[in-house]
N, C-alpha and C. Protein backbone atom coordinates (compact mmCIF):
# COMPACT_ATOMS: atom_id res chain seq x y z
N MET A 1 23.05 -46.02 59.48
CA MET A 1 22.16 -44.91 59.17
C MET A 1 20.97 -44.93 60.11
N GLY A 2 20.51 -43.74 60.61
CA GLY A 2 19.39 -43.66 61.52
C GLY A 2 18.07 -43.80 60.79
N ASN A 3 17.02 -43.36 61.47
CA ASN A 3 15.70 -43.44 60.86
C ASN A 3 15.64 -42.52 59.64
N PRO A 4 15.07 -42.99 58.53
CA PRO A 4 15.00 -42.17 57.33
C PRO A 4 14.02 -41.01 57.51
N THR A 5 14.33 -39.89 56.89
CA THR A 5 13.45 -38.73 56.93
C THR A 5 12.28 -38.95 55.97
N PRO A 6 11.19 -38.19 56.13
CA PRO A 6 10.09 -38.30 55.18
C PRO A 6 10.52 -38.06 53.74
N GLN A 7 11.49 -37.15 53.54
CA GLN A 7 11.98 -36.88 52.18
C GLN A 7 12.68 -38.10 51.60
N MET A 8 13.50 -38.76 52.41
CA MET A 8 14.18 -39.96 51.95
C MET A 8 13.17 -41.05 51.59
N ILE A 9 12.11 -41.15 52.41
CA ILE A 9 11.08 -42.16 52.15
C ILE A 9 10.35 -41.84 50.86
N ARG A 10 10.02 -40.56 50.64
CA ARG A 10 9.33 -40.18 49.41
C ARG A 10 10.21 -40.42 48.19
N ASN A 11 11.49 -40.11 48.32
CA ASN A 11 12.42 -40.36 47.20
C ASN A 11 12.44 -41.84 46.83
N ALA A 12 12.53 -42.70 47.84
CA ALA A 12 12.56 -44.14 47.59
C ALA A 12 11.25 -44.61 46.96
N ALA A 13 10.14 -44.07 47.44
CA ALA A 13 8.84 -44.46 46.90
C ALA A 13 8.71 -44.06 45.44
N ALA A 14 9.11 -42.83 45.12
CA ALA A 14 9.03 -42.36 43.73
C ALA A 14 9.95 -43.17 42.83
N LEU A 15 11.14 -43.45 43.30
CA LEU A 15 12.10 -44.21 42.50
C LEU A 15 11.62 -45.64 42.26
N ALA A 16 10.87 -46.19 43.22
CA ALA A 16 10.34 -47.54 43.05
C ALA A 16 9.36 -47.62 41.89
N THR A 17 8.79 -46.49 41.49
CA THR A 17 7.87 -46.48 40.35
C THR A 17 8.58 -46.22 39.03
N GLU A 18 9.88 -45.92 39.10
CA GLU A 18 10.65 -45.61 37.91
C GLU A 18 11.72 -46.64 37.58
N ALA A 19 12.08 -47.47 38.55
CA ALA A 19 13.16 -48.43 38.35
C ALA A 19 12.96 -49.63 39.27
N THR A 20 13.66 -50.71 38.95
CA THR A 20 13.60 -51.94 39.75
C THR A 20 15.01 -52.43 40.03
N GLY A 21 15.34 -52.62 41.30
CA GLY A 21 16.69 -53.07 41.68
C GLY A 21 17.52 -51.92 42.18
N ASP A 22 18.41 -52.23 43.11
CA ASP A 22 19.20 -51.20 43.79
C ASP A 22 20.01 -50.34 42.83
N GLN A 23 20.77 -50.97 41.92
CA GLN A 23 21.63 -50.19 41.04
C GLN A 23 20.80 -49.36 40.05
N SER A 24 19.72 -49.94 39.57
CA SER A 24 18.86 -49.21 38.65
C SER A 24 18.24 -47.99 39.32
N VAL A 25 17.83 -48.15 40.58
CA VAL A 25 17.28 -47.04 41.35
C VAL A 25 18.34 -45.97 41.57
N SER A 26 19.55 -46.39 41.89
CA SER A 26 20.65 -45.44 42.07
C SER A 26 20.93 -44.67 40.79
N ASP A 27 20.83 -45.34 39.66
CA ASP A 27 21.07 -44.68 38.36
C ASP A 27 20.04 -43.58 38.10
N VAL A 28 18.77 -43.89 38.35
CA VAL A 28 17.72 -42.88 38.13
C VAL A 28 17.89 -41.72 39.11
N PHE A 29 18.27 -42.04 40.33
CA PHE A 29 18.47 -40.97 41.33
C PHE A 29 19.61 -40.05 40.91
N HIS A 30 20.57 -40.59 40.19
CA HIS A 30 21.67 -39.75 39.69
C HIS A 30 21.13 -38.72 38.69
N VAL A 31 20.19 -39.12 37.85
CA VAL A 31 19.55 -38.18 36.93
C VAL A 31 18.77 -37.12 37.71
N VAL A 32 18.09 -37.55 38.76
CA VAL A 32 17.34 -36.62 39.60
C VAL A 32 18.28 -35.56 40.18
N LYS A 33 19.43 -35.99 40.65
CA LYS A 33 20.40 -35.03 41.20
C LYS A 33 20.96 -34.12 40.12
N ASN A 34 21.16 -34.66 38.92
CA ASN A 34 21.59 -33.83 37.80
C ASN A 34 20.57 -32.74 37.51
N ARG A 35 19.29 -33.11 37.52
CA ARG A 35 18.23 -32.14 37.24
C ARG A 35 18.15 -31.08 38.34
N LEU A 36 18.31 -31.53 39.57
CA LEU A 36 18.24 -30.59 40.69
C LEU A 36 19.38 -29.58 40.61
N LYS A 37 20.55 -30.04 40.25
CA LYS A 37 21.70 -29.14 40.13
C LYS A 37 21.53 -28.23 38.91
N HIS A 38 20.89 -28.72 37.87
CA HIS A 38 20.66 -27.92 36.66
C HIS A 38 19.85 -26.67 36.97
N GLY A 39 18.80 -26.83 37.80
CA GLY A 39 17.99 -25.70 38.20
C GLY A 39 16.77 -25.44 37.35
N GLY A 40 16.71 -26.01 36.16
CA GLY A 40 15.59 -25.76 35.27
C GLY A 40 14.46 -26.77 35.38
N TYR A 41 14.63 -27.76 36.25
CA TYR A 41 13.63 -28.82 36.39
C TYR A 41 12.87 -28.73 37.72
N GLY A 42 13.33 -27.89 38.60
CA GLY A 42 12.73 -27.78 39.92
C GLY A 42 13.79 -27.47 40.96
N ASN A 43 13.36 -26.94 42.09
CA ASN A 43 14.31 -26.49 43.12
C ASN A 43 14.37 -27.41 44.33
N SER A 44 13.62 -28.49 44.31
CA SER A 44 13.65 -29.45 45.42
C SER A 44 13.27 -30.82 44.87
N PHE A 45 13.52 -31.85 45.66
CA PHE A 45 13.16 -33.20 45.23
C PHE A 45 11.66 -33.29 44.98
N ASP A 46 10.87 -32.80 45.92
CA ASP A 46 9.42 -32.90 45.78
C ASP A 46 8.92 -32.13 44.56
N GLU A 47 9.55 -31.00 44.27
CA GLU A 47 9.14 -30.22 43.10
C GLU A 47 9.46 -30.97 41.81
N LEU A 48 10.58 -31.67 41.80
CA LEU A 48 10.92 -32.48 40.63
C LEU A 48 9.92 -33.62 40.44
N TRP A 49 9.62 -34.33 41.53
CA TRP A 49 8.72 -35.48 41.44
C TRP A 49 7.31 -35.06 41.01
N THR A 50 6.88 -33.85 41.39
CA THR A 50 5.49 -33.43 41.14
C THR A 50 5.40 -32.26 40.17
N ARG A 51 6.36 -32.14 39.26
CA ARG A 51 6.42 -30.98 38.37
C ARG A 51 5.15 -30.81 37.53
N GLY A 52 4.48 -31.89 37.20
CA GLY A 52 3.27 -31.78 36.38
C GLY A 52 2.01 -31.49 37.17
N MET A 53 2.17 -31.26 38.46
CA MET A 53 1.01 -31.10 39.34
C MET A 53 0.17 -29.88 38.98
N ASN A 54 0.81 -28.79 38.62
CA ASN A 54 0.10 -27.55 38.33
C ASN A 54 0.13 -27.20 36.85
N GLY A 55 0.10 -28.20 36.03
CA GLY A 55 0.06 -27.98 34.60
C GLY A 55 1.41 -27.94 33.92
N GLY A 56 2.49 -28.12 34.68
CA GLY A 56 3.83 -28.13 34.10
C GLY A 56 4.11 -29.45 33.41
N PRO A 57 5.24 -29.55 32.74
CA PRO A 57 5.59 -30.80 32.06
C PRO A 57 5.81 -31.94 33.05
N ILE A 58 5.26 -33.09 32.72
CA ILE A 58 5.42 -34.26 33.60
C ILE A 58 6.83 -34.81 33.43
N GLN A 59 7.55 -34.91 34.53
CA GLN A 59 8.92 -35.42 34.48
C GLN A 59 8.96 -36.92 34.74
N PHE A 60 8.10 -37.39 35.64
CA PHE A 60 8.14 -38.80 36.02
C PHE A 60 6.73 -39.38 35.96
N GLU A 61 6.57 -40.43 35.16
CA GLU A 61 5.27 -41.05 34.96
C GLU A 61 4.73 -41.72 36.22
N GLY A 62 5.65 -42.34 37.00
CA GLY A 62 5.22 -43.07 38.19
C GLY A 62 4.43 -42.22 39.16
N PRO A 63 5.02 -41.13 39.65
CA PRO A 63 4.27 -40.26 40.57
C PRO A 63 3.02 -39.66 39.93
N ALA A 64 3.08 -39.35 38.62
CA ALA A 64 1.92 -38.76 37.95
C ALA A 64 0.74 -39.72 37.95
N LYS A 65 0.99 -41.01 37.71
CA LYS A 65 -0.09 -41.99 37.64
C LYS A 65 -0.66 -42.31 39.02
N ARG A 66 0.16 -42.23 40.07
CA ARG A 66 -0.29 -42.63 41.40
C ARG A 66 -0.84 -41.46 42.21
N GLY A 67 -0.64 -40.27 41.74
CA GLY A 67 -1.23 -39.11 42.42
C GLY A 67 -0.22 -38.28 43.18
N TYR A 68 -0.12 -37.01 42.78
CA TYR A 68 0.85 -36.11 43.40
C TYR A 68 0.50 -35.76 44.85
N ALA A 69 -0.78 -35.49 45.09
CA ALA A 69 -1.20 -35.07 46.43
C ALA A 69 -0.91 -36.17 47.45
N ALA A 70 -1.25 -37.40 47.10
CA ALA A 70 -0.99 -38.52 48.01
C ALA A 70 0.51 -38.72 48.21
N PHE A 71 1.28 -38.46 47.15
CA PHE A 71 2.74 -38.59 47.26
C PHE A 71 3.29 -37.61 48.27
N LEU A 72 2.85 -36.36 48.18
CA LEU A 72 3.36 -35.33 49.09
C LEU A 72 2.94 -35.57 50.54
N ASN A 73 1.92 -36.38 50.73
CA ASN A 73 1.47 -36.70 52.09
C ASN A 73 2.20 -37.88 52.70
N ILE A 74 3.11 -38.49 51.97
CA ILE A 74 3.87 -39.62 52.50
C ILE A 74 4.78 -39.13 53.64
N ARG A 75 4.65 -39.74 54.78
CA ARG A 75 5.48 -39.39 55.94
C ARG A 75 6.20 -40.61 56.52
N THR A 76 5.60 -41.76 56.36
CA THR A 76 6.14 -42.98 56.96
C THR A 76 6.36 -44.04 55.89
N LEU A 77 7.06 -45.08 56.28
CA LEU A 77 7.30 -46.20 55.37
C LEU A 77 5.98 -46.87 54.99
N GLU A 78 5.04 -46.91 55.95
CA GLU A 78 3.74 -47.52 55.67
C GLU A 78 3.00 -46.71 54.59
N ASP A 79 3.11 -45.38 54.67
CA ASP A 79 2.50 -44.53 53.64
C ASP A 79 3.11 -44.83 52.27
N ALA A 80 4.44 -45.00 52.25
CA ALA A 80 5.15 -45.24 50.99
C ALA A 80 4.76 -46.59 50.39
N VAL A 81 4.59 -47.60 51.24
CA VAL A 81 4.19 -48.93 50.78
C VAL A 81 2.82 -48.86 50.12
N LYS A 82 1.90 -48.16 50.78
CA LYS A 82 0.54 -48.04 50.25
C LYS A 82 0.52 -47.27 48.94
N TRP A 83 1.28 -46.20 48.84
CA TRP A 83 1.27 -45.36 47.64
C TRP A 83 1.95 -46.03 46.45
N SER A 84 3.12 -46.65 46.70
CA SER A 84 3.93 -47.19 45.61
C SER A 84 3.61 -48.62 45.24
N GLY A 85 2.99 -49.37 46.18
CA GLY A 85 2.74 -50.79 45.94
C GLY A 85 4.01 -51.63 46.05
N THR A 86 5.02 -51.09 46.71
CA THR A 86 6.30 -51.78 46.90
C THR A 86 6.44 -52.18 48.36
N SER A 87 7.03 -53.33 48.62
CA SER A 87 7.15 -53.82 49.99
C SER A 87 8.08 -52.93 50.82
N ALA A 88 7.90 -53.00 52.14
CA ALA A 88 8.72 -52.21 53.05
C ALA A 88 10.19 -52.61 52.97
N SER A 89 10.46 -53.92 52.80
CA SER A 89 11.84 -54.39 52.74
C SER A 89 12.55 -53.84 51.50
N VAL A 90 11.85 -53.80 50.38
CA VAL A 90 12.45 -53.26 49.15
C VAL A 90 12.69 -51.76 49.29
N LEU A 91 11.72 -51.05 49.84
CA LEU A 91 11.88 -49.60 50.03
C LEU A 91 13.04 -49.30 50.97
N ASN A 92 13.18 -50.09 52.01
CA ASN A 92 14.31 -49.91 52.93
C ASN A 92 15.63 -50.13 52.22
N SER A 93 15.65 -51.11 51.32
CA SER A 93 16.86 -51.37 50.54
C SER A 93 17.18 -50.18 49.63
N TYR A 94 16.15 -49.58 49.05
CA TYR A 94 16.37 -48.41 48.18
C TYR A 94 16.86 -47.21 48.98
N ILE A 95 16.31 -47.03 50.17
CA ILE A 95 16.76 -45.93 51.03
C ILE A 95 18.23 -46.08 51.36
N LYS A 96 18.63 -47.30 51.67
CA LYS A 96 20.04 -47.58 51.96
C LYS A 96 20.90 -47.34 50.72
N THR A 97 20.39 -47.71 49.56
CA THR A 97 21.12 -47.54 48.30
C THR A 97 21.43 -46.07 48.02
N LEU A 98 20.47 -45.19 48.32
CA LEU A 98 20.63 -43.77 48.01
C LEU A 98 21.75 -43.12 48.82
N GLY A 99 22.16 -43.78 49.90
CA GLY A 99 23.26 -43.25 50.70
C GLY A 99 24.53 -44.06 50.57
N ASP A 100 24.56 -44.98 49.60
CA ASP A 100 25.72 -45.87 49.41
C ASP A 100 26.70 -45.22 48.44
N PRO A 101 27.90 -44.81 48.90
CA PRO A 101 28.85 -44.14 48.01
C PRO A 101 29.34 -45.03 46.86
N THR A 102 29.42 -46.34 47.08
CA THR A 102 29.85 -47.24 46.00
C THR A 102 28.81 -47.25 44.88
N MET A 103 27.53 -47.34 45.24
CA MET A 103 26.47 -47.29 44.26
C MET A 103 26.48 -45.96 43.52
N GLN A 104 26.68 -44.88 44.26
CA GLN A 104 26.69 -43.55 43.66
C GLN A 104 27.81 -43.41 42.64
N GLN A 105 28.97 -43.94 42.97
CA GLN A 105 30.11 -43.87 42.04
C GLN A 105 29.85 -44.68 40.78
N LYS A 106 29.22 -45.83 40.93
CA LYS A 106 28.89 -46.65 39.76
C LYS A 106 27.87 -45.92 38.87
N SER A 107 26.91 -45.28 39.51
CA SER A 107 25.90 -44.53 38.76
C SER A 107 26.52 -43.34 38.05
N ALA A 108 27.43 -42.65 38.73
CA ALA A 108 28.09 -41.50 38.12
C ALA A 108 28.88 -41.92 36.88
N ALA A 109 29.54 -43.07 36.97
CA ALA A 109 30.32 -43.56 35.83
C ALA A 109 29.42 -44.00 34.68
N HIS A 110 28.24 -44.53 35.00
CA HIS A 110 27.34 -45.05 33.97
C HIS A 110 26.47 -43.96 33.35
N VAL A 111 25.86 -43.14 34.19
CA VAL A 111 24.89 -42.14 33.73
C VAL A 111 25.57 -40.86 33.27
N GLY A 112 26.63 -40.48 33.98
CA GLY A 112 27.34 -39.26 33.62
C GLY A 112 26.48 -38.03 33.81
N ARG A 113 26.44 -37.17 32.79
CA ARG A 113 25.74 -35.88 32.88
C ARG A 113 24.32 -35.93 32.31
N ALA A 114 23.80 -37.12 32.07
CA ALA A 114 22.48 -37.26 31.47
C ALA A 114 21.39 -36.59 32.31
N LEU A 115 20.48 -35.94 31.64
CA LEU A 115 19.34 -35.30 32.30
C LEU A 115 18.03 -36.01 31.99
N GLU A 116 18.05 -36.91 31.03
CA GLU A 116 16.83 -37.62 30.65
C GLU A 116 17.12 -39.11 30.44
N PHE A 117 16.05 -39.90 30.54
CA PHE A 117 16.17 -41.34 30.31
C PHE A 117 14.85 -41.86 29.78
N ARG A 118 14.91 -43.03 29.22
CA ARG A 118 13.73 -43.72 28.75
C ARG A 118 13.72 -45.13 29.33
N ALA A 119 12.59 -45.82 29.18
CA ALA A 119 12.47 -47.17 29.72
C ALA A 119 13.42 -48.12 29.00
N SER A 120 13.52 -49.32 29.53
CA SER A 120 14.37 -50.34 28.91
C SER A 120 13.83 -50.66 27.52
N PRO A 121 14.66 -51.20 26.64
CA PRO A 121 14.19 -51.55 25.30
C PRO A 121 12.93 -52.42 25.30
N LYS A 122 12.84 -53.32 26.26
CA LYS A 122 11.65 -54.20 26.33
C LYS A 122 10.40 -53.39 26.64
N ASN A 123 10.50 -52.50 27.64
CA ASN A 123 9.33 -51.73 28.05
C ASN A 123 9.02 -50.59 27.09
N LEU A 124 10.05 -50.05 26.45
CA LEU A 124 9.85 -48.95 25.50
C LEU A 124 9.45 -49.47 24.12
N GLY A 125 9.89 -50.69 23.81
CA GLY A 125 9.58 -51.27 22.50
C GLY A 125 10.66 -51.07 21.47
N LYS A 126 11.76 -50.42 21.87
CA LYS A 126 12.87 -50.23 20.93
C LYS A 126 14.14 -49.87 21.69
N THR A 127 15.27 -50.13 21.04
CA THR A 127 16.57 -49.77 21.60
C THR A 127 17.01 -48.44 21.00
N LEU A 128 17.33 -47.50 21.85
CA LEU A 128 17.73 -46.17 21.41
C LEU A 128 19.23 -46.09 21.19
N GLU A 129 19.64 -45.25 20.27
CA GLU A 129 21.06 -45.01 20.03
C GLU A 129 21.59 -43.95 21.01
N ASN A 130 22.89 -43.94 21.16
CA ASN A 130 23.55 -42.95 22.00
C ASN A 130 22.98 -42.92 23.43
N THR A 131 22.84 -44.10 23.99
CA THR A 131 22.34 -44.19 25.36
C THR A 131 23.26 -45.05 26.20
N ALA A 132 23.15 -44.87 27.51
CA ALA A 132 23.85 -45.74 28.46
C ALA A 132 22.82 -46.72 29.01
N TRP A 133 23.00 -47.99 28.76
CA TRP A 133 22.05 -49.03 29.17
C TRP A 133 22.84 -50.21 29.71
N ARG A 134 22.44 -50.72 30.87
CA ARG A 134 23.17 -51.81 31.51
C ARG A 134 22.85 -53.17 30.90
N GLY A 135 21.83 -53.25 30.08
CA GLY A 135 21.60 -54.48 29.33
C GLY A 135 20.52 -55.40 29.83
N THR A 136 19.81 -55.03 30.91
CA THR A 136 18.73 -55.89 31.40
C THR A 136 17.38 -55.21 31.21
N ASP A 137 16.32 -55.98 31.36
CA ASP A 137 14.97 -55.45 31.18
C ASP A 137 14.58 -54.48 32.29
N ASN A 138 15.31 -54.50 33.40
CA ASN A 138 15.00 -53.61 34.52
C ASN A 138 15.74 -52.28 34.43
N ASP A 139 16.64 -52.15 33.47
CA ASP A 139 17.47 -50.95 33.41
C ASP A 139 17.00 -49.99 32.33
N ASN A 140 16.93 -48.72 32.70
CA ASN A 140 16.51 -47.67 31.79
C ASN A 140 17.63 -47.33 30.80
N GLN A 141 17.25 -46.61 29.75
CA GLN A 141 18.21 -46.12 28.76
C GLN A 141 18.43 -44.62 29.02
N PHE A 142 19.64 -44.27 29.37
CA PHE A 142 19.96 -42.88 29.71
C PHE A 142 20.50 -42.17 28.47
N LEU A 143 19.92 -41.02 28.15
CA LEU A 143 20.26 -40.30 26.93
C LEU A 143 21.56 -39.53 27.10
N THR A 144 22.59 -40.00 26.42
CA THR A 144 23.92 -39.41 26.57
C THR A 144 24.51 -38.95 25.24
N GLY A 145 23.69 -38.87 24.22
CA GLY A 145 24.18 -38.50 22.89
C GLY A 145 24.53 -37.02 22.78
N PRO A 146 25.23 -36.65 21.70
CA PRO A 146 25.65 -35.26 21.50
C PRO A 146 24.49 -34.28 21.36
N LYS A 147 23.31 -34.76 20.96
CA LYS A 147 22.16 -33.87 20.79
C LYS A 147 21.21 -33.91 21.99
N ASP A 148 21.56 -34.73 22.99
CA ASP A 148 20.71 -34.85 24.18
C ASP A 148 21.08 -33.79 25.21
N PRO A 149 20.11 -33.33 26.02
CA PRO A 149 20.42 -32.35 27.07
C PRO A 149 21.31 -32.98 28.14
N LEU A 150 22.40 -32.29 28.43
CA LEU A 150 23.34 -32.78 29.44
C LEU A 150 23.66 -31.66 30.42
N LEU A 151 23.94 -32.06 31.65
CA LEU A 151 24.36 -31.09 32.66
C LEU A 151 25.76 -30.59 32.32
N SER A 152 25.99 -29.30 32.51
CA SER A 152 27.31 -28.76 32.22
C SER A 152 28.37 -29.40 33.10
N LEU A 153 29.58 -29.44 32.60
CA LEU A 153 30.68 -30.04 33.37
C LEU A 153 30.91 -29.30 34.69
N ALA A 154 30.81 -27.97 34.65
CA ALA A 154 31.05 -27.17 35.85
C ALA A 154 30.07 -27.54 36.96
N LEU A 155 28.79 -27.71 36.61
CA LEU A 155 27.79 -28.08 37.61
C LEU A 155 27.91 -29.55 37.99
N TYR A 156 28.23 -30.39 37.01
CA TYR A 156 28.32 -31.82 37.26
C TYR A 156 29.43 -32.14 38.26
N ASN A 157 30.53 -31.45 38.17
CA ASN A 157 31.66 -31.71 39.08
C ASN A 157 31.29 -31.44 40.53
N LYS A 158 30.25 -30.64 40.76
CA LYS A 158 29.84 -30.32 42.13
C LYS A 158 29.01 -31.41 42.77
N ILE A 159 28.48 -32.32 41.97
CA ILE A 159 27.63 -33.37 42.55
C ILE A 159 28.30 -34.73 42.51
N LEU A 160 29.51 -34.81 41.96
CA LEU A 160 30.19 -36.11 41.90
C LEU A 160 30.44 -36.64 43.30
N PRO A 161 30.19 -37.93 43.54
CA PRO A 161 30.44 -38.49 44.87
C PRO A 161 31.91 -38.41 45.22
N LYS A 162 32.19 -38.08 46.46
CA LYS A 162 33.57 -37.96 46.92
C LYS A 162 34.15 -39.35 47.14
N THR A 163 35.40 -39.51 46.73
CA THR A 163 36.09 -40.78 46.95
C THR A 163 36.49 -40.89 48.40
N LYS A 164 36.60 -42.10 48.87
CA LYS A 164 36.96 -42.35 50.26
C LYS A 164 38.40 -41.97 50.50
N PRO A 165 38.66 -41.09 51.50
CA PRO A 165 40.05 -40.68 51.75
C PRO A 165 40.89 -41.83 52.30
N THR A 166 42.15 -41.80 51.99
CA THR A 166 43.04 -42.83 52.51
C THR A 166 43.34 -42.56 53.97
N SER A 167 43.66 -43.59 54.70
CA SER A 167 43.93 -43.46 56.13
C SER A 167 45.16 -42.62 56.37
N THR A 168 45.06 -41.69 57.35
CA THR A 168 46.21 -40.85 57.67
C THR A 168 47.27 -41.62 58.43
N ASN A 169 46.92 -42.85 58.87
CA ASN A 169 47.89 -43.65 59.60
C ASN A 169 48.67 -44.58 58.68
N SER A 170 48.36 -44.54 57.39
CA SER A 170 49.04 -45.43 56.47
C SER A 170 50.48 -44.99 56.28
N PHE A 171 51.32 -45.93 55.86
CA PHE A 171 52.73 -45.64 55.65
C PHE A 171 52.91 -44.55 54.59
N ALA A 172 52.09 -44.64 53.53
CA ALA A 172 52.20 -43.66 52.44
C ALA A 172 51.86 -42.26 52.92
N ALA A 173 50.82 -42.16 53.80
CA ALA A 173 50.43 -40.85 54.29
C ALA A 173 51.51 -40.25 55.20
N VAL A 174 52.07 -41.11 56.07
CA VAL A 174 53.14 -40.63 56.95
C VAL A 174 54.36 -40.22 56.15
N LEU A 175 54.69 -41.02 55.13
CA LEU A 175 55.84 -40.72 54.28
C LEU A 175 55.64 -39.39 53.57
N ASN A 176 54.43 -39.18 53.08
CA ASN A 176 54.15 -37.94 52.36
C ASN A 176 54.19 -36.74 53.29
N LYS A 177 53.82 -36.95 54.55
CA LYS A 177 53.84 -35.86 55.52
C LYS A 177 55.25 -35.36 55.77
N TRP A 178 56.19 -36.30 55.90
CA TRP A 178 57.56 -35.92 56.22
C TRP A 178 58.39 -35.65 54.98
N HIS A 179 58.01 -36.26 53.86
CA HIS A 179 58.74 -36.05 52.60
C HIS A 179 57.73 -35.78 51.49
N PRO A 180 57.08 -34.58 51.48
CA PRO A 180 56.06 -34.30 50.47
C PRO A 180 56.54 -34.42 49.04
N GLY A 181 57.82 -34.22 48.81
CA GLY A 181 58.34 -34.32 47.45
C GLY A 181 58.94 -35.66 47.13
N GLY A 182 58.75 -36.62 48.02
CA GLY A 182 59.36 -37.93 47.82
C GLY A 182 60.62 -38.07 48.66
N LEU A 183 61.10 -39.26 48.76
CA LEU A 183 62.31 -39.51 49.54
C LEU A 183 63.52 -38.83 48.90
N PRO A 184 64.45 -38.31 49.71
CA PRO A 184 65.64 -37.69 49.13
C PRO A 184 66.51 -38.72 48.44
N GLU A 185 67.29 -38.24 47.46
CA GLU A 185 68.20 -39.14 46.76
C GLU A 185 69.26 -39.67 47.72
N PRO A 186 69.64 -40.93 47.58
CA PRO A 186 70.66 -41.49 48.47
C PRO A 186 72.01 -40.81 48.23
N ARG A 187 72.77 -40.60 49.30
CA ARG A 187 74.07 -39.95 49.20
C ARG A 187 75.18 -40.96 49.52
N ASP A 188 76.31 -40.78 48.84
CA ASP A 188 77.47 -41.62 49.12
C ASP A 188 78.07 -41.20 50.46
N VAL A 189 78.24 -42.15 51.31
CA VAL A 189 78.82 -41.87 52.63
C VAL A 189 80.07 -42.71 52.78
N GLN A 190 81.19 -42.04 53.06
CA GLN A 190 82.44 -42.74 53.26
C GLN A 190 82.59 -43.13 54.72
N ILE A 191 82.82 -44.39 54.93
CA ILE A 191 82.97 -44.89 56.30
C ILE A 191 84.45 -45.20 56.53
N ARG A 192 85.00 -44.56 57.48
CA ARG A 192 86.40 -44.78 57.81
C ARG A 192 86.53 -45.74 58.97
N LYS A 193 87.39 -46.74 58.76
CA LYS A 193 87.60 -47.74 59.80
C LYS A 193 88.73 -47.26 60.70
N THR A 194 88.43 -47.12 61.94
CA THR A 194 89.43 -46.66 62.91
C THR A 194 89.94 -47.85 63.69
N GLU A 195 91.27 -47.88 63.87
CA GLU A 195 91.88 -48.96 64.64
C GLU A 195 91.90 -48.60 66.11
N LYS A 196 91.69 -49.60 66.89
CA LYS A 196 91.71 -49.40 68.32
C LYS A 196 93.14 -49.19 68.80
N LYS A 197 93.34 -48.18 69.63
CA LYS A 197 94.68 -47.89 70.14
C LYS A 197 95.14 -48.97 71.11
N LEU A 198 96.44 -49.36 70.97
CA LEU A 198 97.00 -50.41 71.83
C LEU A 198 97.87 -49.79 72.93
N ASN A 199 97.92 -50.44 74.10
CA ASN A 199 98.83 -49.98 75.17
C ASN A 199 100.24 -50.52 74.90
N PRO A 200 101.27 -50.02 75.58
CA PRO A 200 102.66 -50.43 75.31
C PRO A 200 102.88 -51.94 75.41
N LEU A 201 102.27 -52.60 76.37
CA LEU A 201 102.46 -54.03 76.54
C LEU A 201 101.91 -54.79 75.33
N GLN A 202 100.73 -54.34 74.81
CA GLN A 202 100.15 -54.98 73.64
C GLN A 202 101.01 -54.76 72.41
N ILE A 203 101.61 -53.56 72.33
CA ILE A 203 102.49 -53.26 71.20
C ILE A 203 103.72 -54.18 71.23
N PHE A 204 104.30 -54.37 72.44
CA PHE A 204 105.46 -55.24 72.59
C PHE A 204 105.12 -56.67 72.18
N GLY A 205 103.93 -57.14 72.61
CA GLY A 205 103.53 -58.50 72.29
C GLY A 205 103.35 -58.69 70.79
N LYS A 206 102.75 -57.73 70.10
CA LYS A 206 102.55 -57.86 68.66
C LYS A 206 103.89 -57.82 67.93
N THR A 207 104.83 -56.98 68.45
CA THR A 207 106.14 -56.89 67.81
C THR A 207 106.90 -58.20 67.97
N LEU A 208 106.84 -58.77 69.18
CA LEU A 208 107.52 -60.03 69.44
C LEU A 208 106.93 -61.14 68.58
N GLN A 209 105.61 -61.16 68.45
CA GLN A 209 104.95 -62.18 67.63
C GLN A 209 105.38 -62.07 66.17
N HIS A 210 105.50 -60.83 65.71
CA HIS A 210 105.89 -60.60 64.32
C HIS A 210 107.34 -61.05 64.08
N SER A 211 108.21 -60.77 65.07
CA SER A 211 109.62 -61.16 64.93
C SER A 211 109.78 -62.67 64.90
N LEU A 212 109.03 -63.37 65.76
CA LEU A 212 109.10 -64.83 65.79
C LEU A 212 108.63 -65.42 64.46
N GLN A 213 107.61 -64.77 63.84
CA GLN A 213 107.15 -65.26 62.56
C GLN A 213 108.21 -65.12 61.48
N ILE A 214 109.00 -64.02 61.55
CA ILE A 214 110.06 -63.80 60.57
C ILE A 214 111.16 -64.84 60.75
N LEU A 215 111.56 -65.09 62.02
CA LEU A 215 112.59 -66.07 62.30
C LEU A 215 112.16 -67.45 61.83
N GLY A 216 110.91 -67.77 62.05
CA GLY A 216 110.41 -69.08 61.64
C GLY A 216 110.44 -69.24 60.13
N ASN A 217 110.21 -68.16 59.41
CA ASN A 217 110.23 -68.25 57.96
C ASN A 217 111.65 -68.44 57.41
N LYS A 218 112.68 -68.01 58.18
CA LYS A 218 114.05 -68.12 57.71
C LYS A 218 114.64 -69.49 57.92
N ARG A 219 114.00 -70.29 58.70
CA ARG A 219 114.53 -71.66 58.94
C ARG A 219 114.33 -72.56 57.75
């Protein structure tokens, strides 16, 4: 991956105030993408992070406490370190995590269509029902119950991480190319054994040999 964009840096900085650890950050980012696809929470990442800036409902406590204006001014990793209080090495790890398809798939399986989450039981002071929680103090509780707001299936299917395609050079891919319906059923093939033609001299020799064998048997 090349140099991160200012948006990627801001995303990592905001996530660092909402979660701790690569997988936990990936999980929260999955909720962010769910909200963005939903359309009712904001039309861009920055709008989601700073929704309470102009009197709207606060979506994320981390950016709200550290200041929206300063957040929007983040352009470099050094800016993000100063704003979030997180080291450059950790922020770089989070930036890498946000582009990791394996992490994304794990988050999709864990978080699903959740649009909201709460802190871990330790930080919140209680364990919530009908939530997806990984079980550690660093992991948030994602609201997945029947009464919780969830992204529609139609919209959710559009943000699911794509699985890695199989190699087109694999035996299975080549086989499917030439036999899309599978290999044909085996057919019975009759093999006829043909005898090699003999010349007259060879015929005479075989006849003589056969006659001598008969005479020998009569003795």
